[in-house]
Amino acid sequence: MTLFVNMMLVMKMKKECKDIFQSYNLPFKTFFVDCVSHEKTVHSDIELIWVLKGKATIETDESTFTLLPETVFMVYMNEPHAIHAEKDTLVVSYRLDNDYLHERGLFFEKITFRQRVVSFEYLAKKYRQVPLLLVQLLKLLLSDEPREVIYHKIKAYYNFYVFELFSILSKEQFLDVKTVDYDIYLHRTNMIVEYIHDHFNEKITLNDLAELTNLSTFRVSHFIREALGVSFKKFLNTVRFEKAIELLKNTDESVLAISKQAGFSDYKHFNRLMKTRYNKTPLKFRKENTAHLDKKTLPIDNYSFILEIKQCLKNLEQDSRFKDLFKQSMFE
């Protein structure tokens, strides 16, 4: 296929598809559709297509695949493909940013991949962590938690997911890659993110998080970097900075008062972060960004089929075939 044709397919895809959570600035794109008919398109990122309900067919240059409920199909990078779904079919698609994967040291293109439709039942029996993380990631995207908390959890869950996906593909090729039990990892992530968001304006140390998670300070420091991709100090300052930005947009308090409320011991540090991030002073930023922050987390609450997606997830959890897959209720 020529470069020109590839470019035209990418342009067509961009025109028709919209990342539902684009405003979250995540390292992947998410598409929810209740029916779809895309002619052949191509993109440089891996895409996971998950049918929750109904029936869909995917056409590649090599073959045609049929996806029934609770099946997953992975389109490798630069693979031309078309997808056609029947009416009322519910499809969730994750498109994994290749540059981000490379930053994490994950080069999927080095792994030989055989295209096939995989059922959740097969994954649950052979690779439990993959469907677990896939579902928990979707659950988090649809949750009612505060947006600023969700963002950091999603990023951690996603980091776990892409690592596990890479591991099982490598395992199928090399047969010697161990997988990880992520139940405790997800629980630990939730505890750390929620604790820092609850105590951001206090003095927080690695010792506090070590006691919280029953880990050593060395291990909890390593875990934060592994899950969130940054050091403990940088993550804490990121949360404080986000809180300060929220106060700038939604209050008339002084920069000094805001920096203290956000947990910065020195307001000059906050000023430097503003310069680095926005190349503006806090006051100039405030003048240009006076709109009230939307505290709702889900930018698609007007989509009627979101409730149906949640119901599909509940049905999955209650299915006897997956009784060992989920250790706690996905939707309280």
C-alpha atoms as a PDB file:
ATOM      1  CA  MET A   1       0.000   0.000   0.000  1.00  0.00           C
ATOM      2  CA  THR A   2       1.431   3.394  -0.963  1.00  0.00           C
ATOM      3  CA  LEU A   3       2.277   6.109   1.540  1.00  0.00           C
ATOM      4  CA  PHE A   4      -0.311   8.383  -0.110  1.00  0.00           C
ATOM      5  CA  VAL A   5      -3.092   5.815   0.364  1.00  0.00           C
ATOM      6  CA  ASN A   6      -2.056   5.312   3.996  1.00  0.00           C
ATOM      7  CA  MET A   7      -2.217   9.052   4.597  1.00  0.00           C
ATOM      8  CA  MET A   8      -5.672   9.259   3.053  1.00  0.00           C
ATOM      9  CA  LEU A   9      -6.900   6.421   5.283  1.00  0.00           C
ATOM     10  CA  VAL A  10      -5.551   8.146   8.376  1.00  0.00           C
ATOM     11  CA  MET A  11      -7.282  11.400   7.406  1.00  0.00           C
ATOM     12  CA  LYS A  12     -10.572   9.574   6.901  1.00  0.00           C
ATOM     13  CA  MET A  13     -10.256   7.852  10.262  1.00  0.00           C
ATOM     14  CA  LYS A  14      -9.531  11.113  12.064  1.00  0.00           C
ATOM     15  CA  LYS A  15     -12.586  12.704  10.509  1.00  0.00           C
ATOM     16  CA  GLU A  16     -14.909   9.900  11.615  1.00  0.00           C
ATOM     17  CA  CYS A  17     -13.505   8.980  15.048  1.00  0.00           C
ATOM     18  CA  LYS A  18     -13.405  11.078  18.181  1.00  0.00           C
ATOM     19  CA  ASP A  19     -11.539  10.225  21.345  1.00  0.00           C
ATOM     20  CA  ILE A  20     -14.213  10.315  24.062  1.00  0.00           C
ATOM     21  CA  PHE A  21     -11.703  11.225  26.788  1.00  0.00           C
ATOM     22  CA  GLN A  22      -9.505  13.556  24.761  1.00  0.00           C
ATOM     23  CA  SER A  23      -9.638  16.248  27.446  1.00  0.00           C
ATOM     24  CA  TYR A  24      -8.000  13.850  29.928  1.00  0.00           C
ATOM     25  CA  ASN A  25      -4.754  13.944  27.914  1.00  0.00           C
ATOM     26  CA  LEU A  26      -4.165  10.209  28.437  1.00  0.00           C
ATOM     27  CA  PRO A  27      -1.493   8.027  26.760  1.00  0.00           C
ATOM     28  CA  PHE A  28      -4.224   6.231  24.818  1.00  0.00           C
ATOM     29  CA  LYS A  29      -7.439   7.059  22.985  1.00  0.00           C
ATOM     30  CA  THR A  30     -10.847   5.626  23.830  1.00  0.00           C
ATOM     31  CA  PHE A  31     -13.799   5.210  21.484  1.00  0.00           C
ATOM     32  CA  PHE A  32     -17.301   4.082  22.513  1.00  0.00           C
ATOM     33  CA  VAL A  33     -19.735   3.196  19.736  1.00  0.00           C
ATOM     34  CA  ASP A  34     -23.173   1.564  19.629  1.00  0.00           C
ATOM     35  CA  CYS A  35     -22.844   0.772  15.941  1.00  0.00           C
ATOM     36  CA  VAL A  36     -20.067   1.461  13.475  1.00  0.00           C
ATOM     37  CA  SER A  37     -19.169   1.076   9.832  1.00  0.00           C
ATOM     38  CA  HIS A  38     -15.671   2.203   8.962  1.00  0.00           C
ATOM     39  CA  GLU A  39     -14.167   1.548   5.600  1.00  0.00           C
ATOM     40  CA  LYS A  40     -10.548   0.488   5.571  1.00  0.00           C
ATOM     41  CA  THR A  41      -8.316   2.716   7.711  1.00  0.00           C
ATOM     42  CA  VAL A  42      -4.772   2.535   9.044  1.00  0.00           C
ATOM     43  CA  HIS A  43      -2.862   4.126  11.925  1.00  0.00           C
ATOM     44  CA  SER A  44       0.554   3.768  13.532  1.00  0.00           C
ATOM     45  CA  ASP A  45      -0.779   2.675  16.939  1.00  0.00           C
ATOM     46  CA  ILE A  46      -2.001  -0.667  18.280  1.00  0.00           C
ATOM     47  CA  GLU A  47      -5.775  -0.806  18.691  1.00  0.00           C
ATOM     48  CA  LEU A  48      -7.749  -3.179  20.923  1.00  0.00           C
ATOM     49  CA  ILE A  49     -11.358  -3.658  19.833  1.00  0.00           C
ATOM     50  CA  TRP A  50     -13.668  -5.156  22.459  1.00  0.00           C
ATOM     51  CA  VAL A  51     -17.259  -6.141  21.662  1.00  0.00           C
ATOM     52  CA  LEU A  52     -19.483  -6.067  24.746  1.00  0.00           C
ATOM     53  CA  LYS A  53     -22.749  -6.752  22.951  1.00  0.00           C
ATOM     54  CA  GLY A  54     -23.885  -7.638  19.445  1.00  0.00           C
ATOM     55  CA  LYS A  55     -21.735  -8.655  16.509  1.00  0.00           C
ATOM     56  CA  ALA A  56     -18.961  -7.033  14.508  1.00  0.00           C
ATOM     57  CA  THR A  57     -16.698  -8.047  11.655  1.00  0.00           C
ATOM     58  CA  ILE A  58     -13.156  -6.824  11.062  1.00  0.00           C
ATOM     59  CA  GLU A  59     -11.531  -7.037   7.659  1.00  0.00           C
ATOM     60  CA  THR A  60      -7.765  -6.908   7.238  1.00  0.00           C
ATOM     61  CA  ASP A  61      -5.624  -7.444   4.171  1.00  0.00           C
ATOM     62  CA  GLU A  62      -5.266 -11.078   5.204  1.00  0.00           C
ATOM     63  CA  SER A  63      -8.695 -12.201   6.400  1.00  0.00           C
ATOM     64  CA  THR A  64     -12.127 -11.392   7.862  1.00  0.00           C
ATOM     65  CA  PHE A  65     -12.807 -11.933  11.578  1.00  0.00           C
ATOM     66  CA  THR A  66     -16.133 -12.142  13.419  1.00  0.00           C
ATOM     67  CA  LEU A  67     -16.413 -10.707  16.940  1.00  0.00           C
ATOM     68  CA  LEU A  68     -19.239 -11.842  19.211  1.00  0.00           C
ATOM     69  CA  PRO A  69     -20.005 -10.553  22.751  1.00  0.00           C
ATOM     70  CA  GLU A  70     -17.032 -10.632  25.147  1.00  0.00           C
ATOM     71  CA  THR A  71     -14.417 -11.063  22.471  1.00  0.00           C
ATOM     72  CA  VAL A  72     -11.351  -8.944  21.794  1.00  0.00           C
ATOM     73  CA  PHE A  73      -9.344  -8.302  18.656  1.00  0.00           C
ATOM     74  CA  MET A  74      -6.013  -6.527  18.425  1.00  0.00           C
ATOM     75  CA  VAL A  75      -5.013  -4.572  15.336  1.00  0.00           C
ATOM     76  CA  TYR A  76      -1.262  -4.148  15.119  1.00  0.00           C
ATOM     77  CA  MET A  77       0.376  -0.883  14.115  1.00  0.00           C
ATOM     78  CA  ASN A  78       0.125   0.121  10.445  1.00  0.00           C
ATOM     79  CA  GLU A  79      -2.343  -2.688   9.746  1.00  0.00           C
ATOM     80  CA  PRO A  80      -5.113  -1.672   7.289  1.00  0.00           C
ATOM     81  CA  HIS A  81      -8.497  -2.712   8.667  1.00  0.00           C
ATOM     82  CA  ALA A  82     -12.219  -2.085   8.303  1.00  0.00           C
ATOM     83  CA  ILE A  83     -14.881  -2.685  10.934  1.00  0.00           C
ATOM     84  CA  HIS A  84     -18.620  -3.186  10.488  1.00  0.00           C
ATOM     85  CA  ALA A  85     -20.996  -3.734  13.391  1.00  0.00           C
ATOM     86  CA  GLU A  86     -24.672  -4.588  13.520  1.00  0.00           C
ATOM     87  CA  LYS A  87     -27.202  -2.174  14.987  1.00  0.00           C
ATOM     88  CA  ASP A  88     -27.102  -1.839  18.801  1.00  0.00           C
ATOM     89  CA  THR A  89     -23.680  -3.468  18.991  1.00  0.00           C
ATOM     90  CA  LEU A  90     -21.591  -2.009  21.825  1.00  0.00           C
ATOM     91  CA  VAL A  91     -17.907  -1.642  21.059  1.00  0.00           C
ATOM     92  CA  VAL A  92     -15.092  -0.238  23.187  1.00  0.00           C
ATOM     93  CA  SER A  93     -11.854   0.547  21.411  1.00  0.00           C
ATOM     94  CA  TYR A  94      -8.511   1.484  22.983  1.00  0.00           C
ATOM     95  CA  ARG A  95      -5.810   2.928  20.739  1.00  0.00           C
ATOM     96  CA  LEU A  96      -2.390   2.689  22.388  1.00  0.00           C
ATOM     97  CA  ASP A  97       0.003   5.541  21.675  1.00  0.00           C
ATOM     98  CA  ASN A  98       3.129   3.962  20.215  1.00  0.00           C
ATOM     99  CA  ASP A  99       5.466   6.756  21.329  1.00  0.00           C
ATOM    100  CA  TYR A 100       4.330   6.328  24.931  1.00  0.00           C
ATOM    101  CA  LEU A 101       4.887   2.572  24.727  1.00  0.00           C
ATOM    102  CA  HIS A 102       8.419   3.167  23.499  1.00  0.00           C
ATOM    103  CA  GLU A 103       9.055   5.548  26.406  1.00  0.00           C
ATOM    104  CA  ARG A 104       8.089   2.681  28.714  1.00  0.00           C
ATOM    105  CA  GLY A 105      10.518   0.362  26.927  1.00  0.00           C
ATOM    106  CA  LEU A 106       7.735  -1.637  25.239  1.00  0.00           C
ATOM    107  CA  PHE A 107       8.466  -2.299  21.561  1.00  0.00           C
ATOM    108  CA  PHE A 108       5.522  -4.384  20.392  1.00  0.00           C
ATOM    109  CA  GLU A 109       6.768  -4.294  16.808  1.00  0.00           C
ATOM    110  CA  LYS A 110       9.627  -6.612  17.824  1.00  0.00           C
ATOM    111  CA  ILE A 111       7.154  -9.355  18.769  1.00  0.00           C
ATOM    112  CA  THR A 112       5.717 -11.633  16.103  1.00  0.00           C
ATOM    113  CA  PHE A 113       1.944 -11.351  16.335  1.00  0.00           C
ATOM    114  CA  ARG A 114      -0.737 -13.650  14.933  1.00  0.00           C
ATOM    115  CA  GLN A 115      -4.086 -11.945  14.432  1.00  0.00           C
ATOM    116  CA  ARG A 116      -7.035 -13.773  15.961  1.00  0.00           C
ATOM    117  CA  VAL A 117     -10.244 -13.193  17.893  1.00  0.00           C
ATOM    118  CA  VAL A 118      -9.778 -13.975  21.597  1.00  0.00           C
ATOM    119  CA  SER A 119     -12.619 -14.589  24.022  1.00  0.00           C
ATOM    120  CA  PHE A 120     -12.761 -13.298  27.582  1.00  0.00           C
ATOM    121  CA  GLU A 121     -13.299 -16.889  28.706  1.00  0.00           C
ATOM    122  CA  TYR A 122      -9.978 -17.918  27.164  1.00  0.00           C
ATOM    123  CA  LEU A 123      -8.179 -14.905  28.607  1.00  0.00           C
ATOM    124  CA  ALA A 124      -9.700 -15.424  32.057  1.00  0.00           C
ATOM    125  CA  LYS A 125      -8.413 -18.989  32.176  1.00  0.00           C
ATOM    126  CA  LYS A 126      -4.976 -18.445  30.661  1.00  0.00           C
ATOM    127  CA  TYR A 127      -4.104 -14.787  31.289  1.00  0.00           C
ATOM    128  CA  ARG A 128      -6.348 -13.596  34.117  1.00  0.00           C
ATOM    129  CA  GLN A 129      -4.623 -10.226  34.581  1.00  0.00           C
ATOM    130  CA  VAL A 130      -5.334  -9.039  31.028  1.00  0.00           C
ATOM    131  CA  PRO A 131      -9.169  -9.119  31.161  1.00  0.00           C
ATOM    132  CA  LEU A 132      -9.039  -7.972  34.794  1.00  0.00           C
ATOM    133  CA  LEU A 133      -7.088  -4.828  33.873  1.00  0.00           C
ATOM    134  CA  LEU A 134      -9.113  -4.277  30.707  1.00  0.00           C
ATOM    135  CA  VAL A 135     -12.361  -4.234  32.683  1.00  0.00           C
ATOM    136  CA  GLN A 136     -10.999  -2.232  35.619  1.00  0.00           C
ATOM    137  CA  LEU A 137      -9.640   0.399  33.237  1.00  0.00           C
ATOM    138  CA  LEU A 138     -13.066   0.785  31.624  1.00  0.00           C
ATOM    139  CA  LYS A 139     -14.737   0.838  35.032  1.00  0.00           C
ATOM    140  CA  LEU A 140     -12.449   3.670  36.103  1.00  0.00           C
ATOM    141  CA  LEU A 141     -13.129   5.661  32.948  1.00  0.00           C
ATOM    142  CA  LEU A 142     -16.850   5.415  33.702  1.00  0.00           C
ATOM    143  CA  SER A 143     -16.610   6.057  37.435  1.00  0.00           C
ATOM    144  CA  ASP A 144     -18.001   9.041  39.336  1.00  0.00           C
ATOM    145  CA  GLU A 145     -14.796   9.805  41.221  1.00  0.00           C
ATOM    146  CA  PRO A 146     -13.349  13.335  41.013  1.00  0.00           C
ATOM    147  CA  ARG A 147     -11.653  13.892  37.702  1.00  0.00           C
ATOM    148  CA  GLU A 148      -8.266  14.782  39.168  1.00  0.00           C
ATOM    149  CA  VAL A 149      -8.191  11.498  41.115  1.00  0.00           C
ATOM    150  CA  ILE A 150      -9.342   9.440  38.148  1.00  0.00           C
ATOM    151  CA  TYR A 151      -6.597  10.755  35.882  1.00  0.00           C
ATOM    152  CA  HIS A 152      -3.743   9.432  38.022  1.00  0.00           C
ATOM    153  CA  LYS A 153      -5.436   6.090  38.655  1.00  0.00           C
ATOM    154  CA  ILE A 154      -6.138   5.587  34.961  1.00  0.00           C
ATOM    155  CA  LYS A 155      -2.530   6.268  34.074  1.00  0.00           C
ATOM    156  CA  ALA A 156      -1.314   3.705  36.626  1.00  0.00           C
ATOM    157  CA  TYR A 157      -3.869   1.092  35.546  1.00  0.00           C
ATOM    158  CA  TYR A 158      -2.882   1.663  31.930  1.00  0.00           C
ATOM    159  CA  ASN A 159       0.821   1.274  32.703  1.00  0.00           C
ATOM    160  CA  PHE A 160       0.057  -2.066  34.342  1.00  0.00           C
ATOM    161  CA  TYR A 161      -2.109  -3.099  31.401  1.00  0.00           C
ATOM    162  CA  VAL A 162       0.355  -2.395  28.598  1.00  0.00           C
ATOM    163  CA  PHE A 163       3.153  -4.106  30.520  1.00  0.00           C
ATOM    164  CA  GLU A 164       1.016  -7.203  31.063  1.00  0.00           C
ATOM    165  CA  LEU A 165      -0.131  -7.211  27.434  1.00  0.00           C
ATOM    166  CA  PHE A 166       3.473  -7.016  26.293  1.00  0.00           C
ATOM    167  CA  SER A 167       4.367  -9.816  28.706  1.00  0.00           C
ATOM    168  CA  ILE A 168       1.753 -12.270  27.454  1.00  0.00           C
ATOM    169  CA  LEU A 169       2.606 -11.613  23.815  1.00  0.00           C
ATOM    170  CA  SER A 170       6.257 -12.180  24.654  1.00  0.00           C
ATOM    171  CA  LYS A 171       5.308 -15.289  26.628  1.00  0.00           C
ATOM    172  CA  GLU A 172       3.510 -16.763  23.642  1.00  0.00           C
ATOM    173  CA  GLN A 173       6.643 -16.202  21.588  1.00  0.00           C
ATOM    174  CA  PHE A 174       9.399 -16.971  24.104  1.00  0.00           C
ATOM    175  CA  LEU A 175       7.509 -19.074  26.715  1.00  0.00           C
ATOM    176  CA  ASP A 176       9.484 -17.754  29.691  1.00  0.00           C
ATOM    177  CA  VAL A 177       7.905 -14.449  30.742  1.00  0.00           C
ATOM    178  CA  LYS A 178       6.273 -14.296  34.171  1.00  0.00           C
ATOM    179  CA  THR A 179       3.100 -12.335  34.785  1.00  0.00           C
ATOM    180  CA  VAL A 180       2.092 -10.383  37.884  1.00  0.00           C
ATOM    181  CA  ASP A 181      -0.918 -10.600  40.197  1.00  0.00           C
ATOM    182  CA  TYR A 182      -2.323  -7.092  39.759  1.00  0.00           C
ATOM    183  CA  ASP A 183      -5.142  -7.205  42.325  1.00  0.00           C
ATOM    184  CA  ILE A 184      -2.849  -5.940  45.062  1.00  0.00           C
ATOM    185  CA  TYR A 185      -1.217  -3.485  42.639  1.00  0.00           C
ATOM    186  CA  LEU A 186      -4.574  -1.862  41.851  1.00  0.00           C
ATOM    187  CA  HIS A 187      -5.488  -1.711  45.531  1.00  0.00           C
ATOM    188  CA  ARG A 188      -2.107  -0.205  46.393  1.00  0.00           C
ATOM    189  CA  THR A 189      -2.436   2.368  43.602  1.00  0.00           C
ATOM    190  CA  ASN A 190      -5.854   3.426  44.859  1.00  0.00           C
ATOM    191  CA  MET A 191      -4.562   3.841  48.409  1.00  0.00           C
ATOM    192  CA  ILE A 192      -1.568   5.969  47.358  1.00  0.00           C
ATOM    193  CA  VAL A 193      -3.425   8.211  44.917  1.00  0.00           C
ATOM    194  CA  GLU A 194      -6.365   8.776  47.267  1.00  0.00           C
ATOM    195  CA  TYR A 195      -4.124   9.433  50.283  1.00  0.00           C
ATOM    196  CA  ILE A 196      -2.061  12.043  48.446  1.00  0.00           C
ATOM    197  CA  HIS A 197      -5.180  13.736  47.081  1.00  0.00           C
ATOM    198  CA  ASP A 198      -6.668  13.798  50.591  1.00  0.00           C
ATOM    199  CA  HIS A 199      -3.512  15.096  52.307  1.00  0.00           C
ATOM    200  CA  PHE A 200      -1.779  17.085  49.566  1.00  0.00           C
ATOM    201  CA  ASN A 201      -1.579  20.261  51.708  1.00  0.00           C
ATOM    202  CA  GLU A 202       0.123  18.431  54.562  1.00  0.00           C
ATOM    203  CA  LYS A 203       3.691  17.239  54.926  1.00  0.00           C
ATOM    204  CA  ILE A 204       3.713  13.801  53.283  1.00  0.00           C
ATOM    205  CA  THR A 205       6.734  11.532  53.346  1.00  0.00           C
ATOM    206  CA  LEU A 206       7.608   8.165  51.901  1.00  0.00           C
ATOM    207  CA  ASN A 207       7.415   6.841  55.454  1.00  0.00           C
ATOM    208  CA  ASP A 208       3.721   7.773  55.552  1.00  0.00           C
ATOM    209  CA  LEU A 209       3.063   5.847  52.340  1.00  0.00           C
ATOM    210  CA  ALA A 210       5.205   2.930  53.500  1.00  0.00           C
ATOM    211  CA  GLU A 211       3.064   2.579  56.621  1.00  0.00           C
ATOM    212  CA  LEU A 212      -0.107   2.959  54.572  1.00  0.00           C
ATOM    213  CA  THR A 213       0.837   0.214  52.122  1.00  0.00           C
ATOM    214  CA  ASN A 214       2.839  -1.984  54.503  1.00  0.00           C
ATOM    215  CA  LEU A 215       5.903  -1.667  52.273  1.00  0.00           C
ATOM    216  CA  SER A 216       9.432  -0.433  52.839  1.00  0.00           C
ATOM    217  CA  THR A 217      10.197   3.150  51.804  1.00  0.00           C
ATOM    218  CA  PHE A 218      12.427   1.790  49.033  1.00  0.00           C
ATOM    219  CA  ARG A 219       9.679  -0.474  47.681  1.00  0.00           C
ATOM    220  CA  VAL A 220       6.922   2.128  47.830  1.00  0.00           C
ATOM    221  CA  SER A 221       9.182   4.639  46.064  1.00  0.00           C
ATOM    222  CA  HIS A 222       9.887   2.083  43.335  1.00  0.00           C
ATOM    223  CA  PHE A 223       6.183   1.197  43.084  1.00  0.00           C
ATOM    224  CA  ILE A 224       5.137   4.840  42.553  1.00  0.00           C
ATOM    225  CA  ARG A 225       7.660   5.243  39.761  1.00  0.00           C
ATOM    226  CA  GLU A 226       6.579   1.938  38.224  1.00  0.00           C
ATOM    227  CA  ALA A 227       2.842   2.691  38.420  1.00  0.00           C
ATOM    228  CA  LEU A 228       2.747   6.441  37.751  1.00  0.00           C
ATOM    229  CA  GLY A 229       5.906   6.878  35.732  1.00  0.00           C
ATOM    230  CA  VAL A 230       7.340   9.603  37.997  1.00  0.00           C
ATOM    231  CA  SER A 231       9.061   9.880  41.361  1.00  0.00           C
ATOM    232  CA  PHE A 232       7.126  10.302  44.599  1.00  0.00           C
ATOM    233  CA  LYS A 233       8.256  13.936  44.918  1.00  0.00           C
ATOM    234  CA  LYS A 234       7.244  14.804  41.367  1.00  0.00           C
ATOM    235  CA  PHE A 235       3.865  13.123  41.757  1.00  0.00           C
ATOM    236  CA  LEU A 236       3.181  14.984  45.005  1.00  0.00           C
ATOM    237  CA  ASN A 237       4.141  18.306  43.411  1.00  0.00           C
ATOM    238  CA  THR A 238       1.954  17.493  40.398  1.00  0.00           C
ATOM    239  CA  VAL A 239      -1.084  16.950  42.630  1.00  0.00           C
ATOM    240  CA  ARG A 240      -0.348  20.160  44.535  1.00  0.00           C
ATOM    241  CA  PHE A 241       0.093  22.072  41.296  1.00  0.00           C
ATOM    242  CA  GLU A 242      -3.236  20.768  39.958  1.00  0.00           C
ATOM    243  CA  LYS A 243      -4.960  21.859  43.186  1.00  0.00           C
ATOM    244  CA  ALA A 244      -3.379  25.299  42.922  1.00  0.00           C
ATOM    245  CA  ILE A 245      -4.562  25.656  39.317  1.00  0.00           C
ATOM    246  CA  GLU A 246      -8.077  24.747  40.397  1.00  0.00           C
ATOM    247  CA  LEU A 247      -7.976  27.436  43.103  1.00  0.00           C
ATOM    248  CA  LEU A 248      -6.618  29.996  40.637  1.00  0.00           C
ATOM    249  CA  LYS A 249      -9.525  29.357  38.305  1.00  0.00           C
ATOM    250  CA  ASN A 250     -12.255  29.218  40.915  1.00  0.00           C
ATOM    251  CA  THR A 251     -11.336  31.659  43.697  1.00  0.00           C
ATOM    252  CA  ASP A 252     -10.144  35.228  44.134  1.00  0.00           C
ATOM    253  CA  GLU A 253      -7.549  34.338  46.763  1.00  0.00           C
ATOM    254  CA  SER A 254      -4.007  35.646  46.518  1.00  0.00           C
ATOM    255  CA  VAL A 255      -1.245  33.608  44.916  1.00  0.00           C
ATOM    256  CA  LEU A 256       0.472  33.380  48.300  1.00  0.00           C
ATOM    257  CA  ALA A 257      -2.687  32.002  49.962  1.00  0.00           C
ATOM    258  CA  ILE A 258      -3.262  29.546  47.108  1.00  0.00           C
ATOM    259  CA  SER A 259       0.293  28.227  47.201  1.00  0.00           C
ATOM    260  CA  LYS A 260      -0.068  27.580  50.950  1.00  0.00           C
ATOM    261  CA  GLN A 261      -3.450  25.898  50.551  1.00  0.00           C
ATOM    262  CA  ALA A 262      -1.996  23.676  47.833  1.00  0.00           C
ATOM    263  CA  GLY A 263       0.816  22.565  50.126  1.00  0.00           C
ATOM    264  CA  PHE A 264       3.747  24.523  48.714  1.00  0.00           C
ATOM    265  CA  SER A 265       6.041  25.783  51.454  1.00  0.00           C
ATOM    266  CA  ASP A 266       7.381  28.495  49.134  1.00  0.00           C
ATOM    267  CA  TYR A 267       5.096  30.378  46.734  1.00  0.00           C
ATOM    268  CA  LYS A 268       8.135  31.041  44.525  1.00  0.00           C
ATOM    269  CA  HIS A 269       8.222  27.324  43.789  1.00  0.00           C
ATOM    270  CA  PHE A 270       4.638  27.534  42.539  1.00  0.00           C
ATOM    271  CA  ASN A 271       5.573  30.531  40.378  1.00  0.00           C
ATOM    272  CA  ARG A 272       8.447  28.579  38.847  1.00  0.00           C
ATOM    273  CA  LEU A 273       6.147  25.661  38.064  1.00  0.00           C
ATOM    274  CA  MET A 274       3.704  28.046  36.372  1.00  0.00           C
ATOM    275  CA  LYS A 275       6.504  29.442  34.246  1.00  0.00           C
ATOM    276  CA  THR A 276       7.666  25.967  33.297  1.00  0.00           C
ATOM    277  CA  ARG A 277       4.210  24.599  32.527  1.00  0.00           C
ATOM    278  CA  TYR A 278       2.425  27.608  31.001  1.00  0.00           C
ATOM    279  CA  ASN A 279       5.123  30.243  30.554  1.00  0.00           C
ATOM    280  CA  LYS A 280       2.861  32.633  32.482  1.00  0.00           C
ATOM    281  CA  THR A 281       2.662  34.125  35.928  1.00  0.00           C
ATOM    282  CA  PRO A 282      -0.191  32.847  38.117  1.00  0.00           C
ATOM    283  CA  LEU A 283      -2.034  36.174  37.824  1.00  0.00           C
ATOM    284  CA  LYS A 284      -1.797  36.235  34.041  1.00  0.00           C
ATOM    285  CA  PHE A 285      -3.000  32.647  33.911  1.00  0.00           C
ATOM    286  CA  ARG A 286      -5.967  33.550  36.128  1.00  0.00           C
ATOM    287  CA  LYS A 287      -6.987  36.448  33.856  1.00  0.00           C
ATOM    288  CA  GLU A 288      -6.972  34.151  30.831  1.00  0.00           C
ATOM    289  CA  ASN A 289      -8.693  31.199  32.516  1.00  0.00           C
ATOM    290  CA  THR A 290     -11.626  32.367  34.582  1.00  0.00           C
ATOM    291  CA  ALA A 291     -14.101  29.658  33.588  1.00  0.00           C
ATOM    292  CA  HIS A 292     -15.320  27.455  36.408  1.00  0.00           C
ATOM    293  CA  LEU A 293     -13.853  23.957  36.355  1.00  0.00           C
ATOM    294  CA  ASP A 294     -16.289  21.228  35.454  1.00  0.00           C
ATOM    295  CA  LYS A 295     -16.205  18.849  38.397  1.00  0.00           C
ATOM    296  CA  LYS A 296     -17.987  16.117  36.496  1.00  0.00           C
ATOM    297  CA  THR A 297     -15.627  13.384  35.481  1.00  0.00           C
ATOM    298  CA  LEU A 298     -17.445  11.773  32.589  1.00  0.00           C
ATOM    299  CA  PRO A 299     -17.596  13.937  29.453  1.00  0.00           C
ATOM    300  CA  ILE A 300     -20.185  11.662  27.843  1.00  0.00           C
ATOM    301  CA  ASP A 301     -22.968  11.531  30.408  1.00  0.00           C
ATOM    302  CA  ASN A 302     -25.525  12.420  27.730  1.00  0.00           C
ATOM    303  CA  TYR A 303     -24.890   9.182  25.880  1.00  0.00           C
ATOM    304  CA  SER A 304     -27.749   6.846  26.695  1.00  0.00           C
ATOM    305  CA  PHE A 305     -25.767   3.705  25.988  1.00  0.00           C
ATOM    306  CA  ILE A 306     -23.254   4.410  28.792  1.00  0.00           C
ATOM    307  CA  LEU A 307     -25.668   2.819  31.265  1.00  0.00           C
ATOM    308  CA  GLU A 308     -25.914  -0.148  28.945  1.00  0.00           C
ATOM    309  CA  ILE A 309     -22.123  -0.480  28.881  1.00  0.00           C
ATOM    310  CA  LYS A 310     -22.125  -0.521  32.682  1.00  0.00           C
ATOM    311  CA  GLN A 311     -24.813  -3.191  32.615  1.00  0.00           C
ATOM    312  CA  CYS A 312     -22.704  -5.276  30.246  1.00  0.00           C
ATOM    313  CA  LEU A 313     -19.832  -5.046  32.722  1.00  0.00           C
ATOM    314  CA  LYS A 314     -22.110  -6.123  35.567  1.00  0.00           C
ATOM    315  CA  ASN A 315     -23.294  -9.072  33.509  1.00  0.00           C
ATOM    316  CA  LEU A 316     -19.694  -9.999  32.871  1.00  0.00           C
ATOM    317  CA  GLU A 317     -18.915  -9.899  36.572  1.00  0.00           C
ATOM    318  CA  GLN A 318     -21.933 -12.056  37.412  1.00  0.00           C
ATOM    319  CA  ASP A 319     -21.185 -14.628  34.701  1.00  0.00           C
ATOM    320  CA  SER A 320     -20.218 -17.938  36.350  1.00  0.00           C
ATOM    321  CA  ARG A 321     -17.440 -18.422  33.785  1.00  0.00           C
ATOM    322  CA  PHE A 322     -15.627 -15.437  35.297  1.00  0.00           C
ATOM    323  CA  LYS A 323     -16.348 -15.998  38.993  1.00  0.00           C
ATOM    324  CA  ASP A 324     -12.625 -16.080  39.805  1.00  0.00           C
ATOM    325  CA  LEU A 325     -11.779 -13.088  37.651  1.00  0.00           C
ATOM    326  CA  PHE A 326     -13.073 -10.315  39.893  1.00  0.00           C
ATOM    327  CA  LYS A 327     -12.527 -10.306  43.635  1.00  0.00           C
ATOM    328  CA  GLN A 328     -14.683  -7.284  44.339  1.00  0.00           C
ATOM    329  CA  SER A 329     -17.738  -5.595  42.857  1.00  0.00           C
ATOM    330  CA  MET A 330     -16.931  -3.323  39.939  1.00  0.00           C
ATOM    331  CA  PHE A 331     -19.855  -0.989  40.508  1.00  0.00           C
ATOM    332  CA  GLU A 332     -20.878  -0.419  44.104  1.00  0.00           C
END
